[in-house]
Every structure is written in C-alpha cells, then in structure tokens.
Protein backbone atom coordinates (compact mmCIF):
# COMPACT_ATOMS: atom_id res chain seq x y z
CA MET A 1 -41.75 -0.72 28.40
CA ILE A 2 -42.99 -2.24 25.49
CA THR A 3 -42.88 0.23 22.12
CA PRO A 4 -45.84 0.56 19.97
CA PRO A 5 -45.85 -1.12 16.70
CA LEU A 6 -44.30 0.42 13.61
CA ALA A 7 -46.75 2.47 11.25
CA THR A 8 -46.39 1.37 7.42
CA THR A 9 -44.95 4.83 6.44
CA ASP A 10 -42.55 4.18 8.99
CA ILE A 11 -41.30 0.54 7.61
CA THR A 12 -41.35 2.00 4.42
CA ALA A 13 -38.28 4.47 5.49
CA LEU A 14 -37.18 2.11 7.26
CA VAL A 15 -36.44 -0.02 4.21
CA ALA A 16 -36.00 3.05 2.01
CA ASP A 17 -32.45 3.74 4.09
CA ALA A 18 -31.83 0.10 4.43
CA THR A 19 -31.85 -0.04 0.29
CA ALA A 20 -29.23 2.84 -0.45
CA ALA A 21 -25.80 -0.14 0.86
CA PRO A 22 -23.60 -0.65 -1.51
CA SER A 23 -24.19 -4.43 -3.74
CA LEU A 24 -22.18 -5.90 -6.47
CA HIS A 25 -23.35 -4.12 -10.23
CA ASN A 26 -25.78 -2.48 -8.26
CA ALA A 27 -28.05 -5.12 -8.74
CA GLN A 28 -29.53 -4.36 -5.50
CA PRO A 29 -29.94 -8.48 -4.83
CA TRP A 30 -32.89 -7.89 -1.45
CA ARG A 31 -36.82 -8.19 -0.63
CA PHE A 32 -38.40 -7.38 2.67
CA ARG A 33 -41.35 -8.37 4.31
CA TYR A 34 -43.05 -7.29 7.62
CA ARG A 35 -45.44 -8.85 9.38
CA HIS A 36 -47.77 -6.37 11.73
CA ASP A 37 -49.04 -8.98 13.64
CA SER A 38 -45.68 -9.84 15.01
CA GLY A 39 -43.83 -6.11 14.34
CA VAL A 40 -40.87 -8.15 12.26
CA LEU A 41 -39.31 -7.54 9.28
CA CYS A 42 -37.47 -9.81 6.61
CA LEU A 43 -34.42 -9.27 4.89
CA HIS A 44 -34.45 -11.81 1.86
CA ALA A 45 -32.64 -12.38 -0.91
CA ASP A 46 -33.06 -11.70 -4.17
CA LEU A 47 -31.62 -14.69 -6.15
CA GLU A 48 -33.61 -13.16 -9.16
CA ARG A 49 -30.52 -10.48 -8.87
CA ALA A 50 -27.88 -13.16 -8.45
CA LEU A 51 -24.67 -12.72 -10.65
CA PRO A 52 -24.03 -16.47 -11.75
CA ARG A 53 -20.95 -15.35 -13.23
CA THR A 54 -19.42 -13.14 -11.31
CA ASP A 55 -20.24 -13.90 -7.90
CA PRO A 56 -21.15 -17.75 -8.32
CA ASP A 57 -21.56 -18.56 -4.83
CA ASN A 58 -23.37 -16.30 -3.44
CA ARG A 59 -20.87 -13.64 -1.95
CA GLY A 60 -20.86 -10.57 -3.60
CA LEU A 61 -25.08 -11.37 -2.72
CA TYR A 62 -24.51 -11.53 0.84
CA LEU A 63 -21.43 -9.08 1.52
CA GLY A 64 -24.91 -6.18 -0.39
CA CYS A 65 -27.93 -7.79 1.77
CA GLY A 66 -25.52 -7.69 5.06
CA ALA A 67 -24.45 -4.24 4.19
CA ALA A 68 -28.64 -3.40 3.98
CA LEU A 69 -29.03 -5.15 6.83
CA LEU A 70 -26.39 -2.72 8.62
CA ASN A 71 -28.20 0.18 7.28
CA LEU A 72 -32.00 -0.95 8.71
CA ARG A 73 -29.96 -1.39 11.84
CA VAL A 74 -29.00 2.10 12.12
CA ALA A 75 -32.52 4.02 10.64
CA ALA A 76 -34.04 1.75 13.75
CA ALA A 77 -31.10 2.84 16.17
CA ALA A 78 -32.14 6.14 14.45
CA ALA A 79 -36.00 5.78 15.04
CA GLY A 80 -35.32 4.69 18.60
CA ARG A 81 -35.52 1.11 18.53
CA ASP A 82 -33.32 -1.94 19.28
CA PRO A 83 -34.15 -4.54 17.38
CA VAL A 84 -32.99 -7.87 18.10
CA VAL A 85 -31.09 -9.52 15.00
CA ARG A 86 -31.64 -13.26 13.86
CA LEU A 87 -29.11 -14.13 11.29
CA LEU A 88 -29.87 -17.25 9.06
CA PRO A 89 -33.28 -17.47 10.97
CA ASP A 90 -35.04 -20.41 9.27
CA PRO A 91 -32.63 -23.38 7.57
CA ALA A 92 -35.16 -24.65 5.72
CA ASP A 93 -35.08 -20.99 3.69
CA PRO A 94 -32.04 -20.15 2.92
CA ALA A 95 -32.71 -17.00 0.87
CA LEU A 96 -34.68 -15.74 4.17
CA LEU A 97 -31.19 -13.83 5.75
CA ALA A 98 -32.19 -12.69 9.11
CA GLU A 99 -35.17 -11.55 10.89
CA LEU A 100 -35.35 -7.96 12.91
CA ASP A 101 -37.57 -8.12 16.17
CA LEU A 102 -39.00 -4.22 15.99
CA GLY A 103 -40.93 -4.59 18.75
CA GLY A 104 -39.23 -4.93 22.06
CA PRO A 105 -37.91 -2.00 23.97
CA ALA A 106 -36.39 1.15 23.15
CA ARG A 107 -32.67 1.25 23.51
CA PRO A 108 -31.53 2.31 21.15
CA ASP A 109 -27.53 1.82 19.87
CA GLU A 110 -26.63 6.06 20.09
CA ALA A 111 -23.75 5.36 18.43
CA LEU A 112 -25.29 3.05 14.80
CA ALA A 113 -27.94 6.35 15.21
CA ALA A 114 -25.18 8.69 15.00
CA LEU A 115 -24.55 6.96 11.65
CA GLN A 116 -27.77 7.71 9.99
CA PRO A 117 -27.22 10.76 7.96
CA ALA A 118 -24.24 8.91 6.27
CA ILE A 119 -26.62 7.32 4.26
CA ARG A 120 -27.88 9.17 1.79
CA ARG A 121 -24.05 10.44 1.68
CA ARG A 122 -22.14 7.82 0.76
CA HIS A 123 -21.35 7.01 -2.65
CA SER A 124 -18.83 5.27 -4.21
CA SER A 125 -16.16 7.70 -5.28
CA ARG A 126 -14.07 6.72 -8.27
CA HIS A 127 -12.69 9.51 -9.46
CA PRO A 128 -8.95 10.27 -8.22
CA TYR A 129 -8.35 11.10 -4.34
CA LEU A 130 -5.38 13.11 -2.89
CA GLU A 131 -2.25 11.75 -2.22
CA GLU A 132 -2.50 12.77 1.40
CA GLU A 133 -2.31 10.66 4.08
CA ILE A 134 -5.18 9.33 6.11
CA PRO A 135 -4.59 10.01 10.28
CA GLY A 136 -3.93 7.15 12.60
CA ALA A 137 -6.67 8.04 14.68
CA LEU A 138 -9.05 8.10 12.16
CA LYS A 139 -8.04 4.42 10.91
CA ASP A 140 -8.58 3.04 14.24
CA ARG A 141 -11.88 4.62 14.47
CA LEU A 142 -12.38 2.28 10.92
CA ARG A 143 -10.68 -0.29 12.97
CA GLU A 144 -12.77 0.25 15.64
CA ALA A 145 -16.31 0.09 12.81
CA ALA A 146 -15.81 -3.37 11.34
CA ARG A 147 -14.37 -4.48 14.71
CA ALA A 148 -17.78 -3.59 16.37
CA GLU A 149 -19.26 -6.52 13.51
CA GLY A 150 -17.39 -9.57 14.21
CA ALA A 151 -14.97 -8.57 11.27
CA GLU A 152 -11.45 -7.56 11.31
CA LEU A 153 -9.91 -4.11 8.70
CA LEU A 154 -6.22 -4.30 8.18
CA PHE A 155 -4.65 -2.05 6.62
CA PRO A 156 -1.60 -3.52 4.41
CA GLY A 157 1.83 -1.66 3.35
CA PRO A 158 3.17 -1.25 -0.11
CA TRP A 159 4.11 -3.73 -1.14
CA HIS A 160 1.00 -5.28 0.10
CA VAL A 161 -0.71 -2.77 -2.14
CA ALA A 162 1.25 -3.16 -5.30
CA LEU A 163 0.74 -6.62 -5.40
CA VAL A 164 -3.73 -5.99 -4.69
CA LEU A 165 -2.73 -3.13 -7.78
CA GLU A 166 -1.30 -6.43 -9.82
CA LEU A 167 -4.38 -9.19 -8.73
CA VAL A 168 -6.69 -6.36 -10.08
CA GLY A 169 -5.13 -5.65 -12.86
CA ASP A 170 -5.22 -9.73 -13.44
CA ALA A 171 -8.22 -9.88 -13.03
CA GLU A 172 -9.76 -7.80 -15.01
CA GLY A 173 -7.38 -9.26 -17.39
CA ARG A 174 -9.60 -12.58 -16.63
CA GLU A 175 -12.68 -10.30 -16.95
CA ALA A 176 -11.45 -9.28 -21.16
CA VAL A 177 -11.42 -13.31 -22.15
CA ASP A 178 -14.43 -14.20 -20.14
CA PRO A 179 -17.93 -13.94 -21.90
CA GLY A 180 -20.60 -14.27 -19.18
CA VAL A 181 -18.57 -12.44 -17.21
CA ARG A 182 -18.40 -9.10 -19.35
CA GLY A 183 -21.82 -10.37 -20.82
CA GLU A 184 -22.49 -9.36 -16.52
CA THR A 185 -20.75 -6.71 -16.29
CA ALA A 186 -22.34 -5.24 -19.73
CA ARG A 187 -25.79 -5.98 -18.66
CA TRP A 188 -26.11 -3.99 -15.37
CA ALA A 189 -22.89 -1.12 -15.70
CA ARG A 190 -25.16 0.69 -18.69
CA THR A 191 -22.20 3.42 -21.27
CA GLU A 192 -25.30 5.52 -23.01
CA PRO A 193 -27.43 7.96 -21.87
CA THR A 194 -31.18 6.40 -20.37
CA GLY A 195 -32.78 8.32 -23.41
CA GLY A 196 -34.84 9.39 -20.46
CA ALA A 197 -35.81 6.45 -18.89
CA GLU A 198 -34.81 6.19 -15.16
CA ALA A 199 -33.00 3.22 -14.15
CA SER A 200 -33.56 2.26 -11.15
CA ASP A 201 -30.82 -0.24 -10.53
CA GLY A 202 -27.12 -1.15 -12.08
CA ILE A 203 -24.33 1.17 -12.72
CA PRO A 204 -24.46 4.93 -14.45
CA ALA A 205 -22.29 5.37 -16.92
CA GLU A 206 -21.94 8.96 -15.02
CA ALA A 207 -21.04 6.83 -12.30
CA PHE A 208 -18.15 5.75 -14.14
CA GLY A 209 -15.12 7.75 -12.80
CA PRO A 210 -12.10 9.00 -15.63
CA ARG A 211 -10.26 6.89 -17.52
CA SER A 212 -7.13 6.22 -15.92
CA ARG A 213 -3.93 7.30 -17.56
CA ARG A 214 -1.49 4.73 -15.72
CA THR A 215 -2.45 0.84 -16.27
CA ALA A 216 -2.84 -0.06 -12.81
CA ALA A 217 -5.52 2.19 -12.12
CA PRO A 218 -7.41 1.56 -7.72
CA VAL A 219 -10.41 1.50 -9.39
CA ARG A 220 -12.97 -1.34 -11.60
CA ASP A 221 -13.95 0.51 -14.96
CA PHE A 222 -17.23 -1.19 -15.83
CA ALA A 223 -16.59 0.36 -18.63
CA ALA A 224 -14.65 -2.49 -19.73
CA GLY A 225 -13.63 -1.79 -23.44
CA ARG A 226 -16.87 -0.36 -23.75
CA ALA A 227 -17.06 3.06 -25.67
CA VAL A 228 -18.13 5.58 -22.79
CA PRO A 229 -19.11 9.37 -24.59
CA GLY A 230 -17.96 12.47 -23.01
CA ARG A 231 -15.63 9.99 -20.37
CA GLY A 232 -12.28 11.21 -19.88
CA TRP A 233 -8.74 10.11 -18.33
CA ALA A 234 -7.41 11.43 -15.13
CA ALA A 235 -4.29 10.43 -13.95
CA PHE A 236 -4.89 8.86 -9.95
CA GLU A 237 -2.52 8.70 -7.02
CA ARG A 238 0.72 6.97 -7.04
CA ASN A 239 -0.31 5.42 -3.65
CA PRO A 240 -3.94 4.59 -3.12
CA GLN A 241 -4.73 3.53 0.40
CA ILE A 242 -5.86 0.74 0.80
CA ALA A 243 -8.12 -1.71 3.53
CA LEU A 244 -8.75 -4.87 3.46
CA LEU A 245 -11.55 -6.36 5.40
CA GLY A 246 -11.80 -9.35 6.50
CA THR A 247 -13.08 -12.45 8.78
CA ALA A 248 -12.45 -15.76 10.53
CA HIS A 249 -14.47 -18.00 8.33
CA ASP A 250 -16.24 -18.02 5.49
CA ARG A 251 -19.42 -18.90 6.17
CA PRO A 252 -22.71 -17.31 4.54
CA ALA A 253 -23.76 -16.13 8.31
CA ASP A 254 -19.62 -14.84 7.91
CA TRP A 255 -20.84 -13.67 4.73
CA LEU A 256 -23.78 -11.14 6.37
CA CYS A 257 -21.85 -10.18 8.85
CA ALA A 258 -18.55 -8.52 6.32
CA GLY A 259 -21.45 -7.27 4.81
CA GLN A 260 -22.99 -5.23 8.21
CA ALA A 261 -18.92 -4.45 9.14
CA LEU A 262 -17.95 -3.02 5.14
CA GLU A 263 -21.20 -0.35 5.57
CA ARG A 264 -20.28 0.09 9.29
CA VAL A 265 -16.55 0.65 7.50
CA LEU A 266 -18.32 2.88 4.47
CA LEU A 267 -20.65 5.42 6.95
CA ARG A 268 -17.61 5.51 9.71
CA ALA A 269 -14.95 7.06 6.86
CA THR A 270 -18.56 9.16 5.43
CA THR A 271 -19.16 10.96 8.68
CA ASP A 272 -14.82 11.64 8.91
CA GLY A 273 -14.98 13.36 5.74
CA LEU A 274 -13.58 10.65 3.11
CA VAL A 275 -14.59 8.79 0.29
CA ALA A 276 -14.15 5.88 -0.38
CA SER A 277 -14.84 3.45 -3.81
CA LEU A 278 -14.81 -0.83 -3.58
CA THR A 279 -11.75 -3.05 -4.88
CA SER A 280 -13.34 -5.98 -5.37
CA GLN A 281 -12.42 -7.60 -8.46
CA PRO A 282 -8.78 -9.86 -7.06
CA LEU A 283 -12.10 -11.57 -4.67
CA GLU A 284 -14.56 -12.60 -7.81
CA TRP A 285 -11.08 -15.42 -8.69
CA ASP A 286 -10.65 -17.97 -7.23
CA GLU A 287 -7.46 -18.94 -8.12
CA LEU A 288 -6.68 -14.43 -7.01
CA ARG A 289 -7.90 -14.17 -3.61
CA TRP A 290 -6.53 -16.78 -1.60
CA ALA A 291 -3.91 -14.23 -3.19
CA VAL A 292 -5.03 -10.92 -1.67
CA ARG A 293 -4.92 -12.10 1.56
CA ASP A 294 -1.39 -10.57 4.44
CA PRO A 295 0.09 -13.84 4.71
CA GLY A 296 1.90 -12.14 8.40
CA SER A 297 -1.81 -10.75 9.20
CA ALA A 298 -4.63 -12.93 11.62
CA MET A 299 -7.13 -12.44 8.96
CA ALA A 300 -7.96 -15.94 7.61
CA HIS A 301 -11.01 -14.87 4.27
CA VAL A 302 -10.16 -11.17 3.04
CA GLN A 303 -13.81 -10.56 1.99
CA MET A 304 -13.81 -7.10 0.73
CA ALA A 305 -10.52 -4.47 -0.53
CA ILE A 306 -11.77 -0.69 0.46
CA ARG A 307 -10.38 2.01 -1.47
CA LEU A 308 -10.28 4.79 0.77
CA GLY A 309 -9.02 8.79 1.03
CA TYR A 310 -9.61 12.17 0.38
CA GLY A 311 -10.97 13.40 -2.90
CA PRO A 312 -14.54 14.73 -4.92
CA GLU A 313 -18.08 12.41 -3.77
CA GLY A 314 -18.85 9.91 -6.12
CA HIS A 315 -22.65 9.88 -8.40
CA PRO A 316 -25.28 8.23 -7.00
CA SER A 317 -26.65 5.08 -8.25
CA PRO A 318 -30.02 4.43 -8.70
CA ARG A 319 -32.06 2.57 -6.32
CA ARG A 320 -35.56 0.34 -6.76
CA PRO A 321 -38.88 1.82 -5.66
CA VAL A 322 -39.58 0.80 -1.99
CA ALA A 323 -42.38 -0.74 -3.07
CA ASP A 324 -41.12 -3.15 -5.60
CA VAL A 325 -38.87 -4.07 -2.73
CA LEU A 326 -40.68 -4.46 0.28
CA ASP A 327 -44.24 -6.08 0.97
CA VAL A 328 -46.55 -5.46 4.49
CA VAL A 329 -48.71 -8.49 5.41
C-alpha cells in the first residue's frame, strides 16, 4: 500500500523538528527542498553558514547536517513514515547531502519514533553536573544508539579523560591567539542582550553557562575572554563523564553518519534523563585531533567528544524559522 503524499503543513512540521538539531556555534548550516511530484525531501548544506577558520574541512558542518537528518528520520517515523534515505546522491552537486523518499509504504521504525518527544527537550547544558556515575545499562543503550547509525561510542578511562581535558585547554589557548577563530566565535556567540530583537541563530549569552572556578573546564567557554554581564562562577565536576563518538573512516559520508549517530545518542540520553554538552575544541585542530583517540581502541577517527551526566537542563538556543530554510516545489 502506497501512502498518500504529505501536505505542506506535514513537511513544515518535519523540517521544524530537523532544525532543532545541534550544529557548530548553532550556525544551522542547512536548507531543505521538498518536491511534491516525487515525494522527496532534500537536505542541502548552506555553505554561506560555514565556519572556514573553525571548521576548514566542513566536517563540523556535515555533522550538524547529519544530526538534522536524524531528526528528520525520527519525525518521519513518528508521523508513520519510513523514508528511504540516500546520502550524497549526486556527485555533481556536493551540497546535496541527502534525499529522503517519503512516499513509500508505511513501515515506521518504532525505535526511532519513540525518540521524537526528546527532540524539543534536548538542549546543550553547559552547567556543572552531579558527581553521579551513569549506570552501565544506560551506557550500553547509548552505545547501541551510536552503533545503529554505523558509529561507535567509547567511554574512556580516567587517564584518557584527563588527557582530553588537557587537549581542551590546549585548543582554547590556540583559539585565544588566532584572530580568525576568535572572530568566528564572536560572530556566533553573543555576549550582549539582544535588545528586544530576537536572534534566530548563534549562541545566546544565557546558554553559555557559568565560568569555571577550575582551569580545566569540561565545557566550551563561548565568551572567549569577553565580558558577559551577570555571568557567575561555578565549580564543575571533578570527574566529568566523557564519551567519544567515532567512525572507521573519515570521509563526508562518514561525517553524515557520525552526525546521525551523535543526535541519536543525544536523544537517547535525553529520553533517559541525562543532559549533555559537546566538547569539540580539540577536534577542530588537526594537530590535536589525533591525540584524542584512545590508542588501545579500534576507533579510527574521533568525530565528537560528548560530556554526559545528571544536571540542569540547558537554555534553548534560537532557531531559524522554517520558512527561511524550506522550499516547496
């Protein structure tokens, strides 16, 4: 049985869920096009929202778009659809990242559909977390979520976590002396009140979280040395729980798969009562990225470091209106 084509209102709802995905500096580097005649929804990279100094290879851009793709799949499953997904379908158009055929038989993935309520609840939390260990069974579910999307999730031991935190500090030091990287951070991370004009992208000051009283903080400081009115100080957890998400290869298709795995892990974590933030700073420097990997593991390429735990929910970051990112033809 072939399902009827989706109405424009249905496509708008799917894309609204897609745009709730995380992206580097909340740049939201995506565009969507729905073709009524074929029932295909296309995901395009919005290269005008790339970060050439922070993300010169566009790896982070692909990760963000992959996360948006996973949200699309979750929302489609919750709507009773089972889209056929084609990654990088046109070699002549590298900005076309994926096509989702929404017109086939309805065999929704119930495991994906169950994650849909977490899409709007998931926010990066840059606050201190409790010193409470994540249960082994929950870690197993997070590993399964990553594996379902063709990636691996590793919870490194204490010595490796300490190394990752050292590399975070190294990366922040490099950013501090690189005016191009600092400029991109200042463009997307806003330290001043909006003055009534609601932003639709970037990181608002309310989402920065407090400054750390310790030197090795497990969160990114988007203030980058700039004053933030009213921002306080806090002691972050002494033993942060860090997970490394990785893939066997390091090509654009792998980045899209990693982005889907990242979002599936984050939605699973949200569903299970965890909060999270992304610790990507060392992965943005080629000289440091290789060192994040655990030499004793089979993970070839680390795509993201995720801080997980129990703590307060994060402040929502703004989102672009669907009308700005969706074309229906």
